[in-house]
């Protein structure tokens, strides 16, 4: 393998590692939320820097498979979760 190819692969790996670290380093809260919408239930987890953001992210993720269209999505996002538990990392 050429030296330039090896350097390029090492650079790409370093940038990917830095990107991963920067996106997860401030995520100190992990929350799992369960949502019931129109008779169906789904649960999801999310990580963020605050409990509020982690709960919102988990609820949006949980609502995804339960909705069809933007109106349903907004309604589901505004529904109170049936359960929510958070942990500090």
PDB file of N, CA and C in Angstrom:
ATOM      1  N   UNK A   1       0.848  -1.167   0.000  1.00  0.00           N
ATOM      2  CA  UNK A   1       0.000   0.000   0.000  1.00  0.00           C
ATOM      3  C   UNK A   1       0.900   1.238   0.000  1.00  0.00           C
ATOM      4  N   UNK A   2       0.507   2.228  -0.772  1.00  0.00           N
ATOM      5  CA  UNK A   2       1.283   3.461  -0.855  1.00  0.00           C
ATOM      6  C   UNK A   2       1.184   4.241   0.455  1.00  0.00           C
ATOM      7  N   UNK A   3       2.219   4.998   0.715  1.00  0.00           N
ATOM      8  CA  UNK A   3       2.243   5.811   1.923  1.00  0.00           C
ATOM      9  C   UNK A   3       1.140   6.864   1.910  1.00  0.00           C
ATOM     10  N   UNK A   4       0.881   7.470   0.779  1.00  0.00           N
ATOM     11  CA  UNK A   4      -0.154   8.501   0.690  1.00  0.00           C
ATOM     12  C   UNK A   4      -1.536   7.912   0.980  1.00  0.00           C
ATOM     13  N   UNK A   5      -1.778   6.694   0.539  1.00  0.00           N
ATOM     14  CA  UNK A   5      -3.055   6.026   0.819  1.00  0.00           C
ATOM     15  C   UNK A   5      -3.178   5.747   2.306  1.00  0.00           C
ATOM     16  N   UNK A   6      -2.106   5.301   2.919  1.00  0.00           N
ATOM     17  CA  UNK A   6      -2.108   5.028   4.353  1.00  0.00           C
ATOM     18  C   UNK A   6      -2.373   6.304   5.146  1.00  0.00           C
ATOM     19  N   UNK A   7      -1.759   7.402   4.756  1.00  0.00           N
ATOM     20  CA  UNK A   7      -1.994   8.682   5.428  1.00  0.00           C
ATOM     21  C   UNK A   7      -3.449   9.143   5.252  1.00  0.00           C
ATOM     22  N   UNK A   8      -3.990   8.957   4.077  1.00  0.00           N
ATOM     23  CA  UNK A   8      -5.382   9.354   3.822  1.00  0.00           C
ATOM     24  C   UNK A   8      -6.341   8.537   4.669  1.00  0.00           C
ATOM     25  N   UNK A   9      -6.117   7.234   4.771  1.00  0.00           N
ATOM     26  CA  UNK A   9      -6.972   6.374   5.594  1.00  0.00           C
ATOM     27  C   UNK A   9      -6.857   6.771   7.069  1.00  0.00           C
ATOM     28  N   UNK A  10      -5.645   7.047   7.538  1.00  0.00           N
ATOM     29  CA  UNK A  10      -5.440   7.466   8.927  1.00  0.00           C
ATOM     30  C   UNK A  10      -6.133   8.797   9.204  1.00  0.00           C
ATOM     31  N   UNK A  11      -6.077   9.722   8.260  1.00  0.00           N
ATOM     32  CA  UNK A  11      -6.727  11.016   8.420  1.00  0.00           C
ATOM     33  C   UNK A  11      -8.242  10.869   8.487  1.00  0.00           C
ATOM     34  N   UNK A  12      -8.809  10.066   7.609  1.00  0.00           N
ATOM     35  CA  UNK A  12     -10.260   9.844   7.614  1.00  0.00           C
ATOM     36  C   UNK A  12     -10.685   9.187   8.932  1.00  0.00           C
ATOM     37  N   UNK A  13      -9.931   8.218   9.410  1.00  0.00           N
ATOM     38  CA  UNK A  13     -10.252   7.554  10.675  1.00  0.00           C
ATOM     39  C   UNK A  13     -10.167   8.542  11.841  1.00  0.00           C
ATOM     40  N   UNK A  14      -9.168   9.417  11.840  1.00  0.00           N
ATOM     41  CA  UNK A  14      -9.030  10.409  12.906  1.00  0.00           C
ATOM     42  C   UNK A  14     -10.189  11.401  12.901  1.00  0.00           C
ATOM     43  N   UNK A  15     -10.588  11.854  11.731  1.00  0.00           N
ATOM     44  CA  UNK A  15     -11.715  12.788  11.628  1.00  0.00           C
ATOM     45  C   UNK A  15     -13.005  12.114  12.084  1.00  0.00           C
ATOM     46  N   UNK A  16     -13.218  10.868  11.705  1.00  0.00           N
ATOM     47  CA  UNK A  16     -14.415  10.135  12.137  1.00  0.00           C
ATOM     48  C   UNK A  16     -14.424   9.962  13.654  1.00  0.00           C
ATOM     49  N   UNK A  17     -13.297   9.641  14.248  1.00  0.00           N
ATOM     50  CA  UNK A  17     -13.207   9.482  15.704  1.00  0.00           C
ATOM     51  C   UNK A  17     -13.471  10.806  16.407  1.00  0.00           C
ATOM     52  N   UNK A  18     -12.927  11.891  15.883  1.00  0.00           N
ATOM     53  CA  UNK A  18     -13.160  13.207  16.469  1.00  0.00           C
ATOM     54  C   UNK A  18     -14.627  13.592  16.374  1.00  0.00           C
ATOM     55  N   UNK A  19     -15.251  13.358  15.238  1.00  0.00           N
ATOM     56  CA  UNK A  19     -16.671  13.655  15.060  1.00  0.00           C
ATOM     57  C   UNK A  19     -17.516  12.862  16.058  1.00  0.00           C
ATOM     58  N   UNK A  20     -17.236  11.574  16.205  1.00  0.00           N
ATOM     59  CA  UNK A  20     -17.974  10.737  17.148  1.00  0.00           C
ATOM     60  C   UNK A  20     -17.803  11.255  18.567  1.00  0.00           C
ATOM     61  N   UNK A  21     -16.590  11.594  18.955  1.00  0.00           N
ATOM     62  CA  UNK A  21     -16.333  12.091  20.309  1.00  0.00           C
ATOM     63  C   UNK A  21     -17.076  13.397  20.569  1.00  0.00           C
ATOM     64  N   UNK A  22     -17.016  14.331  19.631  1.00  0.00           N
ATOM     65  CA  UNK A  22     -17.655  15.621  19.825  1.00  0.00           C
ATOM     66  C   UNK A  22     -19.172  15.532  19.887  1.00  0.00           C
ATOM     67  N   UNK A  23     -19.761  14.565  19.193  1.00  0.00           N
ATOM     68  CA  UNK A  23     -21.222  14.443  19.218  1.00  0.00           C
ATOM     69  C   UNK A  23     -21.721  13.706  20.453  1.00  0.00           C
ATOM     70  N   UNK A  24     -20.878  12.922  21.111  1.00  0.00           N
ATOM     71  CA  UNK A  24     -21.334  12.169  22.279  1.00  0.00           C
ATOM     72  C   UNK A  24     -20.750  12.654  23.594  1.00  0.00           C
ATOM     73  N   UNK A  25     -19.754  13.509  23.581  1.00  0.00           N
ATOM     74  CA  UNK A  25     -19.080  13.924  24.810  1.00  0.00           C
ATOM     75  C   UNK A  25     -19.990  14.710  25.745  1.00  0.00           C
ATOM     76  N   UNK A  26     -20.854  15.547  25.206  1.00  0.00           N
ATOM     77  CA  UNK A  26     -21.736  16.370  26.036  1.00  0.00           C
ATOM     78  C   UNK A  26     -23.051  15.678  26.364  1.00  0.00           C
ATOM     79  N   UNK A  27     -23.273  14.505  25.836  1.00  0.00           N
ATOM     80  CA  UNK A  27     -24.514  13.772  26.085  1.00  0.00           C
ATOM     81  C   UNK A  27     -24.391  13.031  27.413  1.00  0.00           C
ATOM     82  N   UNK A  28     -24.834  13.686  28.479  1.00  0.00           N
ATOM     83  CA  UNK A  28     -24.688  13.111  29.812  1.00  0.00           C
ATOM     84  C   UNK A  28     -25.970  12.474  30.330  1.00  0.00           C
ATOM     85  N   UNK A  29     -27.087  12.729  29.688  1.00  0.00           N
ATOM     86  CA  UNK A  29     -28.377  12.191  30.127  1.00  0.00           C
ATOM     87  C   UNK A  29     -28.881  11.175  29.106  1.00  0.00           C
ATOM     88  N   UNK A  30     -29.307  10.028  29.592  1.00  0.00           N
ATOM     89  CA  UNK A  30     -29.922   9.014  28.738  1.00  0.00           C
ATOM     90  C   UNK A  30     -31.336   8.764  29.247  1.00  0.00           C
ATOM     91  N   UNK A  31     -32.311   8.904  28.371  1.00  0.00           N
ATOM     92  CA  UNK A  31     -33.709   8.722  28.759  1.00  0.00           C
ATOM     93  C   UNK A  31     -34.390   7.705  27.848  1.00  0.00           C
ATOM     94  N   UNK A  32     -35.260   6.902  28.441  1.00  0.00           N
ATOM     95  CA  UNK A  32     -36.096   5.954  27.707  1.00  0.00           C
ATOM     96  C   UNK A  32     -37.545   6.370  27.915  1.00  0.00           C
ATOM     97  N   UNK A  33     -38.261   6.559  26.824  1.00  0.00           N
ATOM     98  CA  UNK A  33     -39.638   7.053  26.854  1.00  0.00           C
ATOM     99  C   UNK A  33     -40.530   6.074  26.107  1.00  0.00           C
ATOM    100  N   UNK A  34     -41.696   5.792  26.672  1.00  0.00           N
ATOM    101  CA  UNK A  34     -42.717   4.988  26.002  1.00  0.00           C
ATOM    102  C   UNK A  34     -43.920   5.876  25.729  1.00  0.00           C
ATOM    103  N   UNK A  35     -44.437   5.790  24.505  1.00  0.00           N
ATOM    104  CA  UNK A  35     -45.545   6.634  24.066  1.00  0.00           C
ATOM    105  C   UNK A  35     -46.665   5.747  23.558  1.00  0.00           C
ATOM    106  N   UNK A  36     -47.894   6.107  23.911  1.00  0.00           N
ATOM    107  CA  UNK A  36     -49.073   5.429  23.350  1.00  0.00           C
ATOM    108  C   UNK A  36     -49.798   6.440  22.477  1.00  0.00           C
ATOM    109  N   UNK A  37     -50.043   6.054  21.219  1.00  0.00           N
ATOM    110  CA  UNK A  37     -50.724   6.938  20.279  1.00  0.00           C
ATOM    111  C   UNK A  37     -51.667   6.115  19.420  1.00  0.00           C
ATOM    112  N   UNK A  38     -52.933   6.467  19.482  1.00  0.00           N
ATOM    113  CA  UNK A  38     -53.978   5.781  18.721  1.00  0.00           C
ATOM    114  C   UNK A  38     -53.966   4.267  18.938  1.00  0.00           C
ATOM    115  N   UNK A  39     -53.828   3.864  20.187  1.00  0.00           N
ATOM    116  CA  UNK A  39     -53.912   2.448  20.543  1.00  0.00           C
ATOM    117  C   UNK A  39     -52.635   1.647  20.346  1.00  0.00           C
ATOM    118  N   UNK A  40     -51.591   2.264  19.860  1.00  0.00           N
ATOM    119  CA  UNK A  40     -50.320   1.569  19.660  1.00  0.00           C
ATOM    120  C   UNK A  40     -49.273   2.165  20.583  1.00  0.00           C
ATOM    121  N   UNK A  41     -48.339   1.332  21.032  1.00  0.00           N
ATOM    122  CA  UNK A  41     -47.297   1.772  21.954  1.00  0.00           C
ATOM    123  C   UNK A  41     -45.924   1.492  21.368  1.00  0.00           C
ATOM    124  N   UNK A  42     -44.999   2.414  21.603  1.00  0.00           N
ATOM    125  CA  UNK A  42     -43.614   2.228  21.184  1.00  0.00           C
ATOM    126  C   UNK A  42     -42.703   2.926  22.191  1.00  0.00           C
ATOM    127  N   UNK A  43     -41.522   2.367  22.398  1.00  0.00           N
ATOM    128  CA  UNK A  43     -40.538   2.938  23.311  1.00  0.00           C
ATOM    129  C   UNK A  43     -39.249   3.224  22.550  1.00  0.00           C
ATOM    130  N   UNK A  44     -38.520   4.236  23.019  1.00  0.00           N
ATOM    131  CA  UNK A  44     -37.238   4.585  22.400  1.00  0.00           C
ATOM    132  C   UNK A  44     -36.359   5.273  23.435  1.00  0.00           C
ATOM    133  N   UNK A  45     -35.061   5.260  23.170  1.00  0.00           N
ATOM    134  CA  UNK A  45     -34.079   5.916  24.040  1.00  0.00           C
ATOM    135  C   UNK A  45     -33.366   7.009  23.268  1.00  0.00           C
ATOM    136  N   UNK A  46     -32.880   8.002  24.016  1.00  0.00           N
ATOM    137  CA  UNK A  46     -32.090   9.077  23.411  1.00  0.00           C
ATOM    138  C   UNK A  46     -31.118   9.606  24.447  1.00  0.00           C
ATOM    139  N   UNK A  47     -30.051  10.196  23.952  1.00  0.00           N
ATOM    140  CA  UNK A  47     -29.018  10.781  24.801  1.00  0.00           C
ATOM    141  C   UNK A  47     -28.864  12.246  24.439  1.00  0.00           C
ATOM    142  N   UNK A  48     -28.725  13.096  25.462  1.00  0.00           N
ATOM    143  CA  UNK A  48     -28.546  14.530  25.226  1.00  0.00           C
ATOM    144  C   UNK A  48     -27.845  15.156  26.423  1.00  0.00           C
ATOM    145  N   UNK A  49     -27.622  16.442  26.342  1.00  0.00           N
ATOM    146  CA  UNK A  49     -26.957  17.160  27.417  1.00  0.00           C
ATOM    147  C   UNK A  49     -27.861  17.486  28.583  1.00  0.00           C
ATOM    148  N   UNK A  50     -29.175  17.476  28.369  1.00  0.00           N
ATOM    149  CA  UNK A  50     -30.121  17.749  29.446  1.00  0.00           C
ATOM    150  C   UNK A  50     -31.245  16.721  29.405  1.00  0.00           C
ATOM    151  N   UNK A  51     -31.932  16.583  30.541  1.00  0.00           N
ATOM    152  CA  UNK A  51     -33.043  15.635  30.615  1.00  0.00           C
ATOM    153  C   UNK A  51     -34.145  16.040  29.650  1.00  0.00           C
ATOM    154  N   UNK A  52     -34.432  17.336  29.580  1.00  0.00           N
ATOM    155  CA  UNK A  52     -35.493  17.831  28.692  1.00  0.00           C
ATOM    156  C   UNK A  52     -35.218  17.456  27.236  1.00  0.00           C
ATOM    157  N   UNK A  53     -33.989  17.665  26.791  1.00  0.00           N
ATOM    158  CA  UNK A  53     -33.638  17.347  25.401  1.00  0.00           C
ATOM    159  C   UNK A  53     -33.627  15.845  25.150  1.00  0.00           C
ATOM    160  N   UNK A  54     -33.181  15.068  26.128  1.00  0.00           N
ATOM    161  CA  UNK A  54     -33.154  13.609  25.966  1.00  0.00           C
ATOM    162  C   UNK A  54     -34.570  13.041  25.899  1.00  0.00           C
ATOM    163  N   UNK A  55     -35.464  13.557  26.743  1.00  0.00           N
ATOM    164  CA  UNK A  55     -36.864  13.102  26.712  1.00  0.00           C
ATOM    165  C   UNK A  55     -37.517  13.478  25.389  1.00  0.00           C
ATOM    166  N   UNK A  56     -37.276  14.704  24.930  1.00  0.00           N
ATOM    167  CA  UNK A  56     -37.856  15.151  23.654  1.00  0.00           C
ATOM    168  C   UNK A  56     -37.344  14.297  22.493  1.00  0.00           C
ATOM    169  N   UNK A  57     -36.062  14.017  22.477  1.00  0.00           N
ATOM    170  CA  UNK A  57     -35.501  13.185  21.410  1.00  0.00           C
ATOM    171  C   UNK A  57     -36.036  11.769  21.437  1.00  0.00           C
ATOM    172  N   UNK A  58     -36.155  11.198  22.630  1.00  0.00           N
ATOM    173  CA  UNK A  58     -36.680   9.837  22.750  1.00  0.00           C
ATOM    174  C   UNK A  58     -38.147   9.788  22.340  1.00  0.00           C
ATOM    175  N   UNK A  59     -38.908  10.814  22.708  1.00  0.00           N
ATOM    176  CA  UNK A  59     -40.325  10.829  22.336  1.00  0.00           C
ATOM    177  C   UNK A  59     -40.485  10.968  20.832  1.00  0.00           C
ATOM    178  N   UNK A  60     -39.698  11.805  20.205  1.00  0.00           N
ATOM    179  CA  UNK A  60     -39.775  11.947  18.749  1.00  0.00           C
ATOM    180  C   UNK A  60     -39.415  10.635  18.054  1.00  0.00           C
ATOM    181  N   UNK A  61     -38.425   9.947  18.575  1.00  0.00           N
ATOM    182  CA  UNK A  61     -38.027   8.660  17.994  1.00  0.00           C
ATOM    183  C   UNK A  61     -39.108   7.615  18.200  1.00  0.00           C
ATOM    184  N   UNK A  62     -39.718   7.610  19.375  1.00  0.00           N
ATOM    185  CA  UNK A  62     -40.780   6.645  19.661  1.00  0.00           C
ATOM    186  C   UNK A  62     -42.016   6.907  18.808  1.00  0.00           C
ATOM    187  N   UNK A  63     -42.294   8.146  18.499  1.00  0.00           N
ATOM    188  CA  UNK A  63     -43.478   8.489  17.712  1.00  0.00           C
ATOM    189  C   UNK A  63     -43.324   8.129  16.231  1.00  0.00           C
ATOM    190  N   UNK A  64     -42.111   8.026  15.752  1.00  0.00           N
ATOM    191  CA  UNK A  64     -41.882   7.768  14.335  1.00  0.00           C
ATOM    192  C   UNK A  64     -42.683   6.617  13.757  1.00  0.00           C
ATOM    193  N   UNK A  65     -42.568   5.392  14.312  1.00  0.00           N
ATOM    194  CA  UNK A  65     -43.298   4.263  13.742  1.00  0.00           C
ATOM    195  C   UNK A  65     -44.808   4.288  14.003  1.00  0.00           C
ATOM    196  N   UNK A  66     -45.245   5.158  14.910  1.00  0.00           N
ATOM    197  CA  UNK A  66     -46.666   5.190  15.271  1.00  0.00           C
ATOM    198  C   UNK A  66     -47.475   6.159  14.426  1.00  0.00           C
ATOM    199  N   UNK A  67     -46.815   6.966  13.624  1.00  0.00           N
ATOM    200  CA  UNK A  67     -47.516   8.029  12.911  1.00  0.00           C
ATOM    201  C   UNK A  67     -47.425   7.863  11.400  1.00  0.00           C
ATOM    202  N   UNK A  68     -48.382   8.503  10.741  1.00  0.00           N
ATOM    203  CA  UNK A  68     -48.391   8.529   9.276  1.00  0.00           C
ATOM    204  C   UNK A  68     -48.754   9.944   8.865  1.00  0.00           C
ATOM    205  N   UNK A  69     -47.755  10.749   8.577  1.00  0.00           N
ATOM    206  CA  UNK A  69     -48.010  12.123   8.161  1.00  0.00           C
ATOM    207  C   UNK A  69     -47.640  13.118   9.239  1.00  0.00           C
ATOM    208  N   UNK A  70     -47.517  14.364   8.825  1.00  0.00           N
ATOM    209  CA  UNK A  70     -47.064  15.426   9.715  1.00  0.00           C
ATOM    210  C   UNK A  70     -48.068  15.735  10.819  1.00  0.00           C
ATOM    211  N   UNK A  71     -49.368  15.698  10.509  1.00  0.00           N
ATOM    212  CA  UNK A  71     -50.367  15.991  11.542  1.00  0.00           C
ATOM    213  C   UNK A  71     -50.293  14.976  12.674  1.00  0.00           C
ATOM    214  N   UNK A  72     -50.201  13.689  12.328  1.00  0.00           N
ATOM    215  CA  UNK A  72     -50.056  12.656  13.355  1.00  0.00           C
ATOM    216  C   UNK A  72     -48.775  12.845  14.146  1.00  0.00           C
ATOM    217  N   UNK A  73     -47.707  13.180  13.455  1.00  0.00           N
ATOM    218  CA  UNK A  73     -46.405  13.339  14.117  1.00  0.00           C
ATOM    219  C   UNK A  73     -46.454  14.448  15.161  1.00  0.00           C
ATOM    220  N   UNK A  74     -47.051  15.570  14.805  1.00  0.00           N
ATOM    221  CA  UNK A  74     -47.163  16.691  15.740  1.00  0.00           C
ATOM    222  C   UNK A  74     -48.059  16.308  16.916  1.00  0.00           C
ATOM    223  N   UNK A  75     -49.164  15.628  16.636  1.00  0.00           N
ATOM    224  CA  UNK A  75     -50.066  15.198  17.706  1.00  0.00           C
ATOM    225  C   UNK A  75     -49.372  14.221  18.649  1.00  0.00           C
ATOM    226  N   UNK A  76     -48.617  13.291  18.112  1.00  0.00           N
ATOM    227  CA  UNK A  76     -47.911  12.315  18.935  1.00  0.00           C
ATOM    228  C   UNK A  76     -46.830  12.996  19.776  1.00  0.00           C
ATOM    229  N   UNK A  77     -46.099  13.917  19.177  1.00  0.00           N
ATOM    230  CA  UNK A  77     -45.060  14.640  19.920  1.00  0.00           C
ATOM    231  C   UNK A  77     -45.638  15.445  21.075  1.00  0.00           C
ATOM    232  N   UNK A  78     -46.893  15.879  20.945  1.00  0.00           N
ATOM    233  CA  UNK A  78     -47.541  16.658  22.002  1.00  0.00           C
ATOM    234  C   UNK A  78     -48.286  15.797  23.013  1.00  0.00           C
ATOM    235  N   UNK A  79     -48.278  14.475  22.830  1.00  0.00           N
ATOM    236  CA  UNK A  79     -48.910  13.557  23.766  1.00  0.00           C
ATOM    237  C   UNK A  79     -47.970  13.281  24.925  1.00  0.00           C
ATOM    238  N   UNK A  80     -48.505  13.239  26.128  1.00  0.00           N
ATOM    239  CA  UNK A  80     -47.674  12.932  27.303  1.00  0.00           C
ATOM    240  C   UNK A  80     -47.230  11.475  27.236  1.00  0.00           C
ATOM    241  N   UNK A  81     -45.959  11.185  27.516  1.00  0.00           N
ATOM    242  CA  UNK A  81     -45.488   9.808  27.490  1.00  0.00           C
ATOM    243  C   UNK A  81     -46.125   8.986  28.613  1.00  0.00           C
ATOM    244  N   UNK A  82     -46.301   7.683  28.374  1.00  0.00           N
ATOM    245  CA  UNK A  82     -46.871   6.832  29.416  1.00  0.00           C
ATOM    246  C   UNK A  82     -45.810   6.433  30.434  1.00  0.00           C
ATOM    247  N   UNK A  83     -44.538   6.459  30.052  1.00  0.00           N
ATOM    248  CA  UNK A  83     -43.456   6.233  31.007  1.00  0.00           C
ATOM    249  C   UNK A  83     -42.201   6.928  30.516  1.00  0.00           C
ATOM    250  N   UNK A  84     -41.386   7.316  31.466  1.00  0.00           N
ATOM    251  CA  UNK A  84     -40.136   8.005  31.153  1.00  0.00           C
ATOM    252  C   UNK A  84     -39.155   7.750  32.280  1.00  0.00           C
ATOM    253  N   UNK A  85     -37.958   7.272  31.939  1.00  0.00           N
ATOM    254  CA  UNK A  85     -36.937   7.092  32.954  1.00  0.00           C
ATOM    255  C   UNK A  85     -35.601   7.585  32.402  1.00  0.00           C
ATOM    256  N   UNK A  86     -34.870   8.299  33.241  1.00  0.00           N
ATOM    257  CA  UNK A  86     -33.605   8.898  32.812  1.00  0.00           C
ATOM    258  C   UNK A  86     -32.471   8.505  33.748  1.00  0.00           C
ATOM    259  N   UNK A  87     -31.284   8.448  33.168  1.00  0.00           N
ATOM    260  CA  UNK A  87     -30.074   8.148  33.933  1.00  0.00           C
ATOM    261  C   UNK A  87     -28.996   9.138  33.528  1.00  0.00           C
ATOM    262  N   UNK A  88     -28.173   9.497  34.503  1.00  0.00           N
ATOM    263  CA  UNK A  88     -27.019  10.351  34.229  1.00  0.00           C
ATOM    264  C   UNK A  88     -25.825   9.476  33.929  1.00  0.00           C
ATOM    265  N   UNK A  89     -25.121   9.811  32.895  1.00  0.00           N
ATOM    266  CA  UNK A  89     -23.948   9.036  32.502  1.00  0.00           C
ATOM    267  C   UNK A  89     -22.741   9.514  33.236  1.00  0.00           C
TER     268      UNK A  89
END
